[in-house]
């Protein structure tokens, strides 16, 4: 990878905060959100963390996803 991707790692927890549902990471130069129970399932992808977040949020428009600070995201249903 030619450049460093900022804020590349994050997780989304369930409403009570006890279990990770999705994780943002980097794979093959793209920022992706994967299902924590099935890491080979890519939920959303982007060139940057912000792009991946926007793609993930667009796919899950019915959910109330609140992004809070670096490396910490919350999901409330």
PDB file of N, CA and C in Angstrom:
ATOM      1  N   UNK A   1       0.854  -1.171   0.000  1.00  0.00           N
ATOM      2  CA  UNK A   1       0.000   0.000   0.000  1.00  0.00           C
ATOM      3  C   UNK A   1       0.899   1.233   0.000  1.00  0.00           C
ATOM      4  N   UNK A   2       0.629   2.137  -0.900  1.00  0.00           N
ATOM      5  CA  UNK A   2       1.488   3.298  -1.087  1.00  0.00           C
ATOM      6  C   UNK A   2       1.302   4.376  -0.029  1.00  0.00           C
ATOM      7  N   UNK A   3       0.135   4.453   0.567  1.00  0.00           N
ATOM      8  CA  UNK A   3      -0.118   5.500   1.551  1.00  0.00           C
ATOM      9  C   UNK A   3      -0.756   4.896   2.790  1.00  0.00           C
ATOM     10  N   UNK A   4      -0.632   5.602   3.882  1.00  0.00           N
ATOM     11  CA  UNK A   4      -1.211   5.134   5.138  1.00  0.00           C
ATOM     12  C   UNK A   4      -2.669   5.578   5.218  1.00  0.00           C
ATOM     13  N   UNK A   5      -3.532   4.657   5.567  1.00  0.00           N
ATOM     14  CA  UNK A   5      -4.952   4.969   5.719  1.00  0.00           C
ATOM     15  C   UNK A   5      -5.201   5.295   7.178  1.00  0.00           C
ATOM     16  N   UNK A   6      -5.705   6.492   7.446  1.00  0.00           N
ATOM     17  CA  UNK A   6      -5.970   6.929   8.820  1.00  0.00           C
ATOM     18  C   UNK A   6      -7.279   6.321   9.323  1.00  0.00           C
ATOM     19  N   UNK A   7      -7.354   6.111  10.619  1.00  0.00           N
ATOM     20  CA  UNK A   7      -8.569   5.620  11.278  1.00  0.00           C
ATOM     21  C   UNK A   7      -9.105   4.351  10.628  1.00  0.00           C
ATOM     22  N   UNK A   8      -8.215   3.437  10.295  1.00  0.00           N
ATOM     23  CA  UNK A   8      -8.642   2.272   9.526  1.00  0.00           C
ATOM     24  C   UNK A   8      -9.330   1.205  10.355  1.00  0.00           C
ATOM     25  N   UNK A   9      -9.105   1.181  11.656  1.00  0.00           N
ATOM     26  CA  UNK A   9      -9.702   0.136  12.476  1.00  0.00           C
ATOM     27  C   UNK A   9     -10.807   0.696  13.356  1.00  0.00           C
ATOM     28  N   UNK A  10     -11.932   0.003  13.386  1.00  0.00           N
ATOM     29  CA  UNK A  10     -13.064   0.386  14.229  1.00  0.00           C
ATOM     30  C   UNK A  10     -13.993  -0.809  14.350  1.00  0.00           C
ATOM     31  N   UNK A  11     -14.867  -0.765  15.315  1.00  0.00           N
ATOM     32  CA  UNK A  11     -15.872  -1.807  15.459  1.00  0.00           C
ATOM     33  C   UNK A  11     -17.235  -1.170  15.695  1.00  0.00           C
ATOM     34  N   UNK A  12     -18.261  -1.926  15.381  1.00  0.00           N
ATOM     35  CA  UNK A  12     -19.625  -1.531  15.706  1.00  0.00           C
ATOM     36  C   UNK A  12     -20.163  -2.596  16.641  1.00  0.00           C
ATOM     37  N   UNK A  13     -20.615  -2.163  17.791  1.00  0.00           N
ATOM     38  CA  UNK A  13     -21.127  -3.078  18.809  1.00  0.00           C
ATOM     39  C   UNK A  13     -22.647  -3.103  18.775  1.00  0.00           C
ATOM     40  N   UNK A  14     -23.220  -4.145  19.363  1.00  0.00           N
ATOM     41  CA  UNK A  14     -24.675  -4.187  19.469  1.00  0.00           C
ATOM     42  C   UNK A  14     -25.149  -3.147  20.477  1.00  0.00           C
ATOM     43  N   UNK A  15     -26.451  -3.019  20.645  1.00  0.00           N
ATOM     44  CA  UNK A  15     -27.029  -1.942  21.456  1.00  0.00           C
ATOM     45  C   UNK A  15     -26.536  -1.942  22.900  1.00  0.00           C
ATOM     46  N   UNK A  16     -26.291  -3.114  23.493  1.00  0.00           N
ATOM     47  CA  UNK A  16     -25.829  -3.135  24.884  1.00  0.00           C
ATOM     48  C   UNK A  16     -24.305  -3.051  24.999  1.00  0.00           C
ATOM     49  N   UNK A  17     -23.598  -3.010  23.854  1.00  0.00           N
ATOM     50  CA  UNK A  17     -22.150  -2.828  23.850  1.00  0.00           C
ATOM     51  C   UNK A  17     -21.329  -4.037  24.250  1.00  0.00           C
ATOM     52  N   UNK A  18     -21.946  -5.209  24.302  1.00  0.00           N
ATOM     53  CA  UNK A  18     -21.230  -6.398  24.760  1.00  0.00           C
ATOM     54  C   UNK A  18     -20.667  -7.258  23.635  1.00  0.00           C
ATOM     55  N   UNK A  19     -21.124  -7.036  22.394  1.00  0.00           N
ATOM     56  CA  UNK A  19     -20.694  -7.912  21.306  1.00  0.00           C
ATOM     57  C   UNK A  19     -20.413  -7.088  20.054  1.00  0.00           C
ATOM     58  N   UNK A  20     -19.300  -7.372  19.394  1.00  0.00           N
ATOM     59  CA  UNK A  20     -18.980  -6.700  18.139  1.00  0.00           C
ATOM     60  C   UNK A  20     -19.800  -7.319  17.012  1.00  0.00           C
ATOM     61  N   UNK A  21     -20.426  -6.460  16.216  1.00  0.00           N
ATOM     62  CA  UNK A  21     -21.209  -6.920  15.072  1.00  0.00           C
ATOM     63  C   UNK A  21     -20.431  -6.796  13.775  1.00  0.00           C
ATOM     64  N   UNK A  22     -19.694  -5.705  13.633  1.00  0.00           N
ATOM     65  CA  UNK A  22     -18.937  -5.453  12.413  1.00  0.00           C
ATOM     66  C   UNK A  22     -17.612  -4.806  12.774  1.00  0.00           C
ATOM     67  N   UNK A  23     -16.647  -4.984  11.888  1.00  0.00           N
ATOM     68  CA  UNK A  23     -15.309  -4.447  12.118  1.00  0.00           C
ATOM     69  C   UNK A  23     -14.810  -3.803  10.837  1.00  0.00           C
ATOM     70  N   UNK A  24     -14.188  -2.616  10.975  1.00  0.00           N
ATOM     71  CA  UNK A  24     -13.576  -1.947   9.832  1.00  0.00           C
ATOM     72  C   UNK A  24     -12.087  -2.238   9.853  1.00  0.00           C
ATOM     73  N   UNK A  25     -11.568  -2.647   8.712  1.00  0.00           N
ATOM     74  CA  UNK A  25     -10.157  -2.984   8.597  1.00  0.00           C
ATOM     75  C   UNK A  25      -9.701  -2.702   7.169  1.00  0.00           C
ATOM     76  N   UNK A  26      -8.446  -2.994   6.874  1.00  0.00           N
ATOM     77  CA  UNK A  26      -7.892  -2.796   5.538  1.00  0.00           C
ATOM     78  C   UNK A  26      -7.528  -4.150   4.951  1.00  0.00           C
ATOM     79  N   UNK A  27      -7.936  -4.358   3.713  1.00  0.00           N
ATOM     80  CA  UNK A  27      -7.596  -5.592   3.005  1.00  0.00           C
ATOM     81  C   UNK A  27      -7.318  -5.245   1.552  1.00  0.00           C
ATOM     82  N   UNK A  28      -6.163  -5.612   1.063  1.00  0.00           N
ATOM     83  CA  UNK A  28      -5.767  -5.371  -0.333  1.00  0.00           C
ATOM     84  C   UNK A  28      -5.880  -3.903  -0.746  1.00  0.00           C
ATOM     85  N   UNK A  29      -5.537  -2.996   0.173  1.00  0.00           N
ATOM     86  CA  UNK A  29      -5.521  -1.575  -0.131  1.00  0.00           C
ATOM     87  C   UNK A  29      -6.863  -0.875  -0.050  1.00  0.00           C
ATOM     88  N   UNK A  30      -7.931  -1.602   0.282  1.00  0.00           N
ATOM     89  CA  UNK A  30      -9.256  -1.000   0.448  1.00  0.00           C
ATOM     90  C   UNK A  30      -9.665  -1.069   1.909  1.00  0.00           C
ATOM     91  N   UNK A  31     -10.455  -0.101   2.340  1.00  0.00           N
ATOM     92  CA  UNK A  31     -11.006  -0.118   3.691  1.00  0.00           C
ATOM     93  C   UNK A  31     -12.341  -0.834   3.603  1.00  0.00           C
ATOM     94  N   UNK A  32     -12.532  -1.838   4.454  1.00  0.00           N
ATOM     95  CA  UNK A  32     -13.745  -2.643   4.375  1.00  0.00           C
ATOM     96  C   UNK A  32     -14.388  -2.811   5.747  1.00  0.00           C
ATOM     97  N   UNK A  33     -15.685  -3.017   5.743  1.00  0.00           N
ATOM     98  CA  UNK A  33     -16.424  -3.435   6.925  1.00  0.00           C
ATOM     99  C   UNK A  33     -16.737  -4.910   6.735  1.00  0.00           C
ATOM    100  N   UNK A  34     -16.414  -5.724   7.730  1.00  0.00           N
ATOM    101  CA  UNK A  34     -16.692  -7.157   7.662  1.00  0.00           C
ATOM    102  C   UNK A  34     -17.593  -7.563   8.823  1.00  0.00           C
ATOM    103  N   UNK A  35     -18.317  -8.639   8.618  1.00  0.00           N
ATOM    104  CA  UNK A  35     -19.158  -9.234   9.648  1.00  0.00           C
ATOM    105  C   UNK A  35     -18.227  -9.936  10.638  1.00  0.00           C
ATOM    106  N   UNK A  36     -18.352  -9.664  11.919  1.00  0.00           N
ATOM    107  CA  UNK A  36     -17.447 -10.251  12.920  1.00  0.00           C
ATOM    108  C   UNK A  36     -17.625 -11.760  13.057  1.00  0.00           C
ATOM    109  N   UNK A  37     -18.825 -12.261  12.815  1.00  0.00           N
ATOM    110  CA  UNK A  37     -19.048 -13.695  12.914  1.00  0.00           C
ATOM    111  C   UNK A  37     -18.567 -14.432  11.679  1.00  0.00           C
ATOM    112  N   UNK A  38     -18.526 -13.749  10.535  1.00  0.00           N
ATOM    113  CA  UNK A  38     -18.042 -14.318   9.278  1.00  0.00           C
ATOM    114  C   UNK A  38     -17.102 -13.315   8.614  1.00  0.00           C
ATOM    115  N   UNK A  39     -15.832 -13.265   9.028  1.00  0.00           N
ATOM    116  CA  UNK A  39     -14.906 -12.230   8.548  1.00  0.00           C
ATOM    117  C   UNK A  39     -14.659 -12.235   7.041  1.00  0.00           C
ATOM    118  N   UNK A  40     -15.017 -13.310   6.360  1.00  0.00           N
ATOM    119  CA  UNK A  40     -14.832 -13.333   4.907  1.00  0.00           C
ATOM    120  C   UNK A  40     -15.980 -12.634   4.174  1.00  0.00           C
ATOM    121  N   UNK A  41     -17.021 -12.222   4.906  1.00  0.00           N
ATOM    122  CA  UNK A  41     -18.158 -11.512   4.323  1.00  0.00           C
ATOM    123  C   UNK A  41     -17.910 -10.004   4.424  1.00  0.00           C
ATOM    124  N   UNK A  42     -17.686  -9.366   3.275  1.00  0.00           N
ATOM    125  CA  UNK A  42     -17.456  -7.921   3.219  1.00  0.00           C
ATOM    126  C   UNK A  42     -18.813  -7.226   3.127  1.00  0.00           C
ATOM    127  N   UNK A  43     -19.089  -6.361   4.095  1.00  0.00           N
ATOM    128  CA  UNK A  43     -20.370  -5.655   4.153  1.00  0.00           C
ATOM    129  C   UNK A  43     -20.351  -4.353   3.364  1.00  0.00           C
ATOM    130  N   UNK A  44     -19.223  -3.658   3.360  1.00  0.00           N
ATOM    131  CA  UNK A  44     -19.089  -2.382   2.646  1.00  0.00           C
ATOM    132  C   UNK A  44     -17.606  -2.140   2.382  1.00  0.00           C
ATOM    133  N   UNK A  45     -17.321  -1.334   1.365  1.00  0.00           N
ATOM    134  CA  UNK A  45     -15.944  -1.085   0.971  1.00  0.00           C
ATOM    135  C   UNK A  45     -15.787   0.357   0.526  1.00  0.00           C
ATOM    136  N   UNK A  46     -14.599   0.914   0.748  1.00  0.00           N
ATOM    137  CA  UNK A  46     -14.288   2.269   0.301  1.00  0.00           C
ATOM    138  C   UNK A  46     -12.787   2.448   0.178  1.00  0.00           C
ATOM    139  N   UNK A  47     -12.389   3.525  -0.466  1.00  0.00           N
ATOM    140  CA  UNK A  47     -10.953   3.812  -0.599  1.00  0.00           C
ATOM    141  C   UNK A  47     -10.386   4.404   0.677  1.00  0.00           C
ATOM    142  N   UNK A  48     -11.262   5.045   1.469  1.00  0.00           N
ATOM    143  CA  UNK A  48     -10.863   5.641   2.746  1.00  0.00           C
ATOM    144  C   UNK A  48     -11.805   5.140   3.833  1.00  0.00           C
ATOM    145  N   UNK A  49     -11.439   5.398   5.082  1.00  0.00           N
ATOM    146  CA  UNK A  49     -12.312   5.019   6.193  1.00  0.00           C
ATOM    147  C   UNK A  49     -13.647   5.752   6.083  1.00  0.00           C
ATOM    148  N   UNK A  50     -13.609   7.011   5.730  1.00  0.00           N
ATOM    149  CA  UNK A  50     -14.842   7.789   5.588  1.00  0.00           C
ATOM    150  C   UNK A  50     -15.722   7.222   4.469  1.00  0.00           C
ATOM    151  N   UNK A  51     -15.106   6.806   3.360  1.00  0.00           N
ATOM    152  CA  UNK A  51     -15.858   6.220   2.250  1.00  0.00           C
ATOM    153  C   UNK A  51     -16.497   4.896   2.633  1.00  0.00           C
ATOM    154  N   UNK A  52     -15.755   4.070   3.368  1.00  0.00           N
ATOM    155  CA  UNK A  52     -16.296   2.793   3.825  1.00  0.00           C
ATOM    156  C   UNK A  52     -17.435   3.015   4.818  1.00  0.00           C
ATOM    157  N   UNK A  53     -17.276   4.000   5.709  1.00  0.00           N
ATOM    158  CA  UNK A  53     -18.335   4.322   6.667  1.00  0.00           C
ATOM    159  C   UNK A  53     -19.605   4.765   5.945  1.00  0.00           C
ATOM    160  N   UNK A  54     -19.454   5.615   4.929  1.00  0.00           N
ATOM    161  CA  UNK A  54     -20.618   6.106   4.184  1.00  0.00           C
ATOM    162  C   UNK A  54     -21.314   4.961   3.456  1.00  0.00           C
ATOM    163  N   UNK A  55     -20.536   4.048   2.865  1.00  0.00           N
ATOM    164  CA  UNK A  55     -21.117   2.898   2.167  1.00  0.00           C
ATOM    165  C   UNK A  55     -21.840   1.985   3.149  1.00  0.00           C
ATOM    166  N   UNK A  56     -21.255   1.777   4.320  1.00  0.00           N
ATOM    167  CA  UNK A  56     -21.883   0.931   5.332  1.00  0.00           C
ATOM    168  C   UNK A  56     -23.181   1.555   5.828  1.00  0.00           C
ATOM    169  N   UNK A  57     -23.150   2.853   6.064  1.00  0.00           N
ATOM    170  CA  UNK A  57     -24.338   3.546   6.557  1.00  0.00           C
ATOM    171  C   UNK A  57     -25.448   3.552   5.503  1.00  0.00           C
ATOM    172  N   UNK A  58     -25.095   3.701   4.224  1.00  0.00           N
ATOM    173  CA  UNK A  58     -26.083   3.692   3.149  1.00  0.00           C
ATOM    174  C   UNK A  58     -26.758   2.327   3.037  1.00  0.00           C
ATOM    175  N   UNK A  59     -26.005   1.263   3.225  1.00  0.00           N
ATOM    176  CA  UNK A  59     -26.572  -0.085   3.150  1.00  0.00           C
ATOM    177  C   UNK A  59     -27.472  -0.391   4.332  1.00  0.00           C
ATOM    178  N   UNK A  60     -27.246   0.272   5.425  1.00  0.00           N
ATOM    179  CA  UNK A  60     -27.989   0.016   6.658  1.00  0.00           C
ATOM    180  C   UNK A  60     -28.775   1.249   7.086  1.00  0.00           C
ATOM    181  N   UNK A  61     -29.443   1.885   6.131  1.00  0.00           N
ATOM    182  CA  UNK A  61     -30.147   3.145   6.390  1.00  0.00           C
ATOM    183  C   UNK A  61     -31.248   2.999   7.442  1.00  0.00           C
ATOM    184  N   UNK A  62     -31.802   1.809   7.587  1.00  0.00           N
ATOM    185  CA  UNK A  62     -32.886   1.610   8.556  1.00  0.00           C
ATOM    186  C   UNK A  62     -32.376   1.586   9.996  1.00  0.00           C
ATOM    187  N   UNK A  63     -31.086   1.363  10.173  1.00  0.00           N
ATOM    188  CA  UNK A  63     -30.509   1.317  11.513  1.00  0.00           C
ATOM    189  C   UNK A  63     -30.013   2.697  11.914  1.00  0.00           C
ATOM    190  N   UNK A  64     -30.031   2.967  13.190  1.00  0.00           N
ATOM    191  CA  UNK A  64     -29.540   4.241  13.714  1.00  0.00           C
ATOM    192  C   UNK A  64     -28.075   4.060  14.090  1.00  0.00           C
ATOM    193  N   UNK A  65     -27.185   4.296  13.135  1.00  0.00           N
ATOM    194  CA  UNK A  65     -25.754   4.121  13.378  1.00  0.00           C
ATOM    195  C   UNK A  65     -25.183   5.468  13.789  1.00  0.00           C
ATOM    196  N   UNK A  66     -24.569   5.498  14.960  1.00  0.00           N
ATOM    197  CA  UNK A  66     -23.964   6.726  15.457  1.00  0.00           C
ATOM    198  C   UNK A  66     -22.458   6.528  15.526  1.00  0.00           C
ATOM    199  N   UNK A  67     -21.725   7.343  14.804  1.00  0.00           N
ATOM    200  CA  UNK A  67     -20.278   7.266  14.813  1.00  0.00           C
ATOM    201  C   UNK A  67     -19.758   8.188  15.903  1.00  0.00           C
ATOM    202  N   UNK A  68     -18.946   7.627  16.802  1.00  0.00           N
ATOM    203  CA  UNK A  68     -18.415   8.392  17.930  1.00  0.00           C
ATOM    204  C   UNK A  68     -16.902   8.280  17.950  1.00  0.00           C
ATOM    205  N   UNK A  69     -16.214   9.304  17.555  1.00  0.00           N
ATOM    206  CA  UNK A  69     -14.774   9.405  17.733  1.00  0.00           C
ATOM    207  C   UNK A  69     -13.946   8.336  17.051  1.00  0.00           C
ATOM    208  N   UNK A  70     -12.652   8.421  17.236  1.00  0.00           N
ATOM    209  CA  UNK A  70     -11.702   7.522  16.596  1.00  0.00           C
ATOM    210  C   UNK A  70     -11.830   6.115  17.153  1.00  0.00           C
ATOM    211  N   UNK A  71     -11.983   5.163  16.261  1.00  0.00           N
ATOM    212  CA  UNK A  71     -11.935   3.758  16.637  1.00  0.00           C
ATOM    213  C   UNK A  71     -13.123   3.244  17.418  1.00  0.00           C
ATOM    214  N   UNK A  72     -14.114   4.087  17.667  1.00  0.00           N
ATOM    215  CA  UNK A  72     -15.257   3.629  18.436  1.00  0.00           C
ATOM    216  C   UNK A  72     -16.533   4.041  17.726  1.00  0.00           C
ATOM    217  N   UNK A  73     -17.336   3.069  17.367  1.00  0.00           N
ATOM    218  CA  UNK A  73     -18.611   3.328  16.732  1.00  0.00           C
ATOM    219  C   UNK A  73     -19.658   2.634  17.573  1.00  0.00           C
ATOM    220  N   UNK A  74     -20.852   3.127  17.542  1.00  0.00           N
ATOM    221  CA  UNK A  74     -21.925   2.460  18.264  1.00  0.00           C
ATOM    222  C   UNK A  74     -23.079   2.190  17.323  1.00  0.00           C
ATOM    223  N   UNK A  75     -23.804   1.161  17.608  1.00  0.00           N
ATOM    224  CA  UNK A  75     -24.958   0.809  16.812  1.00  0.00           C
ATOM    225  C   UNK A  75     -26.141   0.671  17.747  1.00  0.00           C
ATOM    226  N   UNK A  76     -27.176   1.399  17.462  1.00  0.00           N
ATOM    227  CA  UNK A  76     -28.395   1.215  18.243  1.00  0.00           C
ATOM    228  C   UNK A  76     -29.515   0.854  17.288  1.00  0.00           C
ATOM    229  N   UNK A  77     -30.322  -0.082  17.698  1.00  0.00           N
ATOM    230  CA  UNK A  77     -31.398  -0.586  16.846  1.00  0.00           C
ATOM    231  C   UNK A  77     -32.729  -0.195  17.440  1.00  0.00           C
TER     232      UNK A  77
END
